[in-house]
């Protein structure tokens, strides 16, 4: 009887898991089908044509600028913070406070981060509505993902690697620089790519800090404003009142950018998991 009861519970649990997975899959396929309906308005010509001529060239390149720039800011900061928390930070109240602050930052609404970016980066630092302000604001949203992912990657490096290096007289920093970080590099890069995918569609964070509706060409310096796909979608639907079916082409491009970064992270993880036995 007990075995039958356990089997019934397991069957119920697995059924619930399967239903939840199916719902997620159906939602993804439904969203994909809706966005693919806008593929008729999408062409290579539209991607390379300036916005003033009816294309979306500045929006696509502007979105890539924002993502790569924010990754360049959040990547080194997040990796060094993770290295400190795992390898050097003492286990005390201050460290626990830092951990909790990172968790709180991960749950912070994007509109709040956008307002902070406008108040601090745009006004207090004098950056104005600019690409640089967008980088710094989006990097705040990427940091928790990069830090947590890098922490897990560093923790997965076998302790014997570090002990062996210390045994031959290397310093702790040399161990971190030459052993720990190279061995954890696949997980670190994966966390950065996932962070990019996370912020790719953010509108509120760049609404107040970096974007404008129309520009003549690409920004010449980081202090110039920029166009982005997510901002353009928001303005066209909310401010201009256009129907969603007219902007599905823009949404599809943004969706594909997110999918590319997410798939890159998955492929990288699978590839290096085969090469590094301790990741299996």
Protein backbone atom coordinates (compact mmCIF):
# COMPACT_ATOMS: atom_id res chain seq x y z
CA UNK A 1 0.00 0.00 0.00
CA UNK A 2 2.82 2.37 0.87
CA UNK A 3 4.53 1.73 -2.46
CA UNK A 4 1.28 2.36 -4.32
CA UNK A 5 0.82 5.62 -2.40
CA UNK A 6 4.36 6.74 -3.25
CA UNK A 7 3.88 5.84 -6.90
CA UNK A 8 0.62 7.77 -6.99
CA UNK A 9 2.33 10.82 -5.46
CA UNK A 10 5.22 10.56 -7.92
CA UNK A 11 2.81 10.23 -10.83
CA UNK A 12 0.88 13.30 -9.64
CA UNK A 13 4.05 15.34 -9.20
CA UNK A 14 5.43 14.35 -12.61
CA UNK A 15 2.05 15.09 -14.18
CA UNK A 16 2.03 18.57 -12.66
CA UNK A 17 5.60 19.15 -13.88
CA UNK A 18 4.67 17.95 -17.35
CA UNK A 19 1.59 20.17 -17.51
CA UNK A 20 3.60 23.23 -16.40
CA UNK A 21 6.29 22.47 -18.98
CA UNK A 22 3.66 22.03 -21.66
CA UNK A 23 2.06 25.37 -20.77
CA UNK A 24 5.42 27.13 -21.02
CA UNK A 25 6.14 25.48 -24.36
CA UNK A 26 2.71 26.35 -25.75
CA UNK A 27 3.08 29.96 -24.60
CA UNK A 28 6.47 30.19 -26.33
CA UNK A 29 5.12 28.67 -29.55
CA UNK A 30 2.08 30.95 -29.45
CA UNK A 31 4.23 34.06 -29.05
CA UNK A 32 6.52 32.85 -31.82
CA UNK A 33 3.58 32.24 -34.16
CA UNK A 34 2.19 35.72 -33.51
CA UNK A 35 5.55 37.38 -34.15
CA UNK A 36 6.14 35.31 -37.29
CA UNK A 37 2.96 36.81 -38.69
CA UNK A 38 4.99 40.00 -39.02
CA UNK A 39 7.67 38.35 -41.12
CA UNK A 40 5.93 39.62 -44.23
CA UNK A 41 6.88 43.18 -43.30
CA UNK A 42 10.48 42.17 -42.56
CA UNK A 43 13.21 42.05 -45.18
CA UNK A 44 16.95 42.56 -45.49
CA UNK A 45 16.27 45.89 -47.15
CA UNK A 46 14.33 47.09 -44.11
CA UNK A 47 17.18 46.08 -41.81
CA UNK A 48 19.78 48.12 -43.69
CA UNK A 49 17.58 51.09 -44.60
CA UNK A 50 17.76 54.22 -42.37
CA UNK A 51 14.77 54.98 -40.19
CA UNK A 52 14.14 58.28 -41.99
CA UNK A 53 13.60 56.22 -45.17
CA UNK A 54 11.21 53.76 -43.50
CA UNK A 55 13.73 51.15 -42.34
CA UNK A 56 15.06 50.12 -38.94
CA UNK A 57 18.85 50.20 -39.36
CA UNK A 58 19.55 52.67 -36.52
CA UNK A 59 17.20 50.80 -34.19
CA UNK A 60 18.90 47.43 -34.75
CA UNK A 61 22.45 48.78 -34.44
CA UNK A 62 21.43 50.95 -31.49
CA UNK A 63 20.04 47.92 -29.66
CA UNK A 64 23.29 46.02 -30.29
CA UNK A 65 25.30 49.01 -29.04
CA UNK A 66 23.26 49.11 -25.84
CA UNK A 67 23.61 45.38 -25.17
CA UNK A 68 27.33 45.10 -25.89
CA UNK A 69 28.15 48.27 -23.97
CA UNK A 70 26.18 47.21 -20.89
CA UNK A 71 27.87 43.79 -21.03
CA UNK A 72 31.27 45.50 -21.20
CA UNK A 73 30.39 47.38 -18.00
CA UNK A 74 28.58 44.64 -16.06
CA UNK A 75 30.88 41.79 -17.13
CA UNK A 76 34.15 42.81 -15.41
CA UNK A 77 32.39 44.29 -12.38
CA UNK A 78 30.18 41.23 -11.92
CA UNK A 79 33.00 38.73 -12.37
CA UNK A 80 35.33 40.51 -9.93
CA UNK A 81 32.50 40.85 -7.41
CA UNK A 82 31.74 37.13 -7.71
CA UNK A 83 35.42 36.25 -7.34
CA UNK A 84 35.68 38.34 -4.19
CA UNK A 85 32.51 36.88 -2.65
CA UNK A 86 33.56 33.28 -3.33
CA UNK A 87 37.31 33.37 -2.75
CA UNK A 88 38.13 36.27 -0.44
CA UNK A 89 35.11 37.66 1.41
CA UNK A 90 34.87 36.67 5.10
CA UNK A 91 31.64 34.98 6.16
CA UNK A 92 30.19 37.76 8.31
CA UNK A 93 27.25 40.12 8.44
CA UNK A 94 28.67 42.46 5.84
CA UNK A 95 29.01 39.64 3.31
CA UNK A 96 25.47 38.47 4.04
CA UNK A 97 24.27 42.07 3.58
CA UNK A 98 26.02 42.23 0.22
CA UNK A 99 24.41 38.94 -0.85
CA UNK A 100 20.98 40.19 0.16
CA UNK A 101 21.56 43.47 -1.67
CA UNK A 102 22.36 41.55 -4.85
CA UNK A 103 19.13 39.57 -4.45
CA UNK A 104 17.18 42.79 -3.90
CA UNK A 105 18.74 44.34 -7.01
CA UNK A 106 17.69 41.30 -9.05
CA UNK A 107 14.08 41.83 -7.96
CA UNK A 108 14.06 45.59 -8.48
CA UNK A 109 11.41 46.77 -11.00
CA UNK A 110 12.96 48.04 -14.21
CA UNK A 111 11.01 51.30 -13.98
CA UNK A 112 12.67 52.03 -10.63
CA UNK A 113 16.11 51.34 -12.08
CA UNK A 114 15.25 53.57 -15.04
CA UNK A 115 14.25 56.43 -12.74
CA UNK A 116 17.43 55.96 -10.71
CA UNK A 117 19.48 55.99 -13.92
CA UNK A 118 17.80 59.24 -15.00
CA UNK A 119 18.28 60.91 -11.62
CA UNK A 120 21.87 59.77 -11.04
CA UNK A 121 23.53 59.08 -14.40
CA UNK A 122 21.67 61.60 -16.57
CA UNK A 123 21.30 64.49 -14.11
CA UNK A 124 23.73 64.07 -11.22
CA UNK A 125 26.64 62.89 -13.40
CA UNK A 126 25.63 65.15 -16.28
CA UNK A 127 25.53 62.42 -18.94
CA UNK A 128 22.11 63.50 -20.19
CA UNK A 129 20.02 61.29 -22.46
CA UNK A 130 22.88 59.31 -23.90
CA UNK A 131 24.23 55.92 -24.86
CA UNK A 132 26.57 55.96 -21.85
CA UNK A 133 23.67 56.50 -19.44
CA UNK A 134 21.87 53.55 -21.04
CA UNK A 135 24.94 51.35 -20.62
CA UNK A 136 25.24 52.14 -16.92
CA UNK A 137 21.51 51.72 -16.28
CA UNK A 138 21.22 48.38 -18.09
CA UNK A 139 24.41 47.15 -16.41
CA UNK A 140 22.64 47.51 -13.04
CA UNK A 141 20.03 45.03 -14.27
CA UNK A 142 22.66 42.65 -15.63
CA UNK A 143 24.86 42.63 -12.52
CA UNK A 144 22.82 40.18 -10.38
CA UNK A 145 22.68 37.65 -13.22
CA UNK A 146 26.39 37.96 -13.96
CA UNK A 147 27.37 37.80 -10.29
CA UNK A 148 25.25 34.76 -9.43
CA UNK A 149 26.20 32.89 -12.59
CA UNK A 150 29.90 33.65 -12.10
CA UNK A 151 29.71 32.58 -8.46
CA UNK A 152 28.35 29.18 -9.44
CA UNK A 153 30.97 28.80 -12.17
CA UNK A 154 33.79 29.62 -9.75
CA UNK A 155 32.43 27.25 -7.11
CA UNK A 156 32.43 24.40 -9.65
CA UNK A 157 36.20 24.66 -10.21
CA UNK A 158 37.71 21.68 -8.31
CA UNK A 159 39.40 22.64 -5.07
CA UNK A 160 42.32 20.35 -5.94
CA UNK A 161 43.26 22.71 -8.79
CA UNK A 162 43.66 25.59 -6.35
CA UNK A 163 45.41 23.51 -3.67
CA UNK A 164 47.90 22.18 -6.20
CA UNK A 165 48.76 25.67 -7.40
CA UNK A 166 49.15 26.98 -3.84
CA UNK A 167 51.38 24.01 -3.00
CA UNK A 168 53.99 25.10 -5.55
CA UNK A 169 54.21 28.60 -4.09
CA UNK A 170 51.82 30.71 -6.16
CA UNK A 171 49.91 33.54 -4.49
CA UNK A 172 46.14 33.52 -4.07
CA UNK A 173 45.73 36.20 -6.74
CA UNK A 174 47.84 34.19 -9.20
CA UNK A 175 45.67 31.15 -8.49
CA UNK A 176 42.54 33.20 -9.13
CA UNK A 177 43.95 34.77 -12.31
CA UNK A 178 45.65 31.76 -13.85
CA UNK A 179 43.60 28.80 -12.54
CA UNK A 180 40.16 29.76 -11.25
CA UNK A 181 39.03 32.31 -13.82
CA UNK A 182 40.18 30.37 -16.92
CA UNK A 183 38.54 27.19 -15.64
CA UNK A 184 35.32 29.07 -14.83
CA UNK A 185 35.35 31.07 -18.06
CA UNK A 186 32.62 29.04 -19.86
CA UNK A 187 30.16 29.56 -17.00
CA UNK A 188 31.11 33.23 -16.72
CA UNK A 189 30.59 33.86 -20.43
CA UNK A 190 27.28 32.01 -20.27
CA UNK A 191 26.08 34.21 -17.41
CA UNK A 192 27.02 37.35 -19.36
CA UNK A 193 25.12 36.12 -22.44
CA UNK A 194 22.07 35.33 -20.31
CA UNK A 195 22.32 38.78 -18.78
CA UNK A 196 22.32 40.31 -22.26
CA UNK A 197 19.25 38.27 -23.20
CA UNK A 198 17.58 39.41 -19.98
CA UNK A 199 17.93 43.14 -20.67
CA UNK A 200 17.51 43.04 -24.46
CA UNK A 201 13.80 43.78 -24.29
CA UNK A 202 13.86 46.25 -21.40
CA UNK A 203 12.04 49.48 -22.19
CA UNK A 204 11.56 51.22 -18.85
CA UNK A 205 15.29 51.21 -18.06
CA UNK A 206 16.18 53.03 -21.31
CA UNK A 207 12.99 55.09 -21.57
CA UNK A 208 14.40 57.90 -19.41
CA UNK A 209 18.11 57.48 -19.98
CA UNK A 210 19.26 56.85 -23.54
CA UNK A 211 16.62 56.69 -26.27
CA UNK A 212 14.91 59.08 -28.64
CA UNK A 213 12.35 58.43 -31.36
CA UNK A 214 14.35 59.69 -34.36
CA UNK A 215 18.04 60.38 -34.92
CA UNK A 216 20.04 61.18 -38.03
CA UNK A 217 22.43 58.26 -38.27
CA UNK A 218 24.21 56.38 -35.50
CA UNK A 219 25.63 58.04 -32.38
CA UNK A 220 29.11 59.45 -32.89
CA UNK A 221 30.07 59.43 -29.20
CA UNK A 222 28.76 57.65 -26.06
CA UNK A 223 27.20 60.97 -25.02
CA UNK A 224 24.77 60.98 -27.96
CA UNK A 225 21.22 59.57 -27.69
CA UNK A 226 20.32 56.42 -29.54
CA UNK A 227 17.40 54.55 -31.07
CA UNK A 228 16.41 51.08 -29.85
CA UNK A 229 13.88 48.46 -30.94
CA UNK A 230 12.14 48.15 -27.55
CA UNK A 231 11.73 51.91 -27.19
CA UNK A 232 10.37 52.19 -30.73
CA UNK A 233 7.80 49.48 -30.01
CA UNK A 234 6.66 51.26 -26.86
CA UNK A 235 6.29 54.65 -28.55
CA UNK A 236 4.46 53.31 -31.59
CA UNK A 237 1.92 51.30 -29.60
CA UNK A 238 1.43 53.45 -26.49
CA UNK A 239 2.13 56.99 -27.65
CA UNK A 240 1.16 56.84 -31.33
CA UNK A 241 -1.63 54.28 -30.92
CA UNK A 242 -0.60 52.01 -33.78
CA UNK A 243 -2.08 48.52 -33.87
CA UNK A 244 0.25 45.68 -32.80
CA UNK A 245 0.15 43.98 -36.20
CA UNK A 246 1.93 47.01 -37.74
CA UNK A 247 4.96 46.64 -35.47
CA UNK A 248 5.29 42.84 -35.47
CA UNK A 249 8.29 43.15 -37.79
CA UNK A 250 10.19 45.24 -35.22
CA UNK A 251 9.11 42.86 -32.44
CA UNK A 252 10.31 39.87 -34.45
CA UNK A 253 13.79 41.37 -34.88
CA UNK A 254 14.02 42.02 -31.13
CA UNK A 255 12.78 38.49 -30.42
CA UNK A 256 15.44 37.02 -32.71
CA UNK A 257 18.19 39.01 -30.99
CA UNK A 258 17.11 37.61 -27.62
CA UNK A 259 16.94 34.06 -29.03
CA UNK A 260 20.44 34.36 -30.54
CA UNK A 261 22.02 35.34 -27.22
CA UNK A 262 20.08 32.70 -25.27
CA UNK A 263 20.98 29.92 -27.74
CA UNK A 264 24.61 31.04 -27.70
CA UNK A 265 24.67 30.58 -23.94
CA UNK A 266 23.12 27.09 -24.21
CA UNK A 267 25.48 25.95 -26.98
CA UNK A 268 28.51 27.28 -25.11
CA UNK A 269 27.50 25.48 -21.93
CA UNK A 270 26.97 22.17 -23.73
CA UNK A 271 30.24 22.45 -25.64
CA UNK A 272 32.43 23.17 -22.62
CA UNK A 273 30.62 20.65 -20.44
CA UNK A 274 31.94 17.96 -22.79
CA UNK A 275 35.49 19.32 -22.65
CA UNK A 276 35.66 19.87 -18.88
CA UNK A 277 34.91 16.66 -16.94
CA UNK A 278 34.28 18.47 -13.62
CA UNK A 279 31.24 20.19 -15.18
CA UNK A 280 29.46 16.90 -15.88
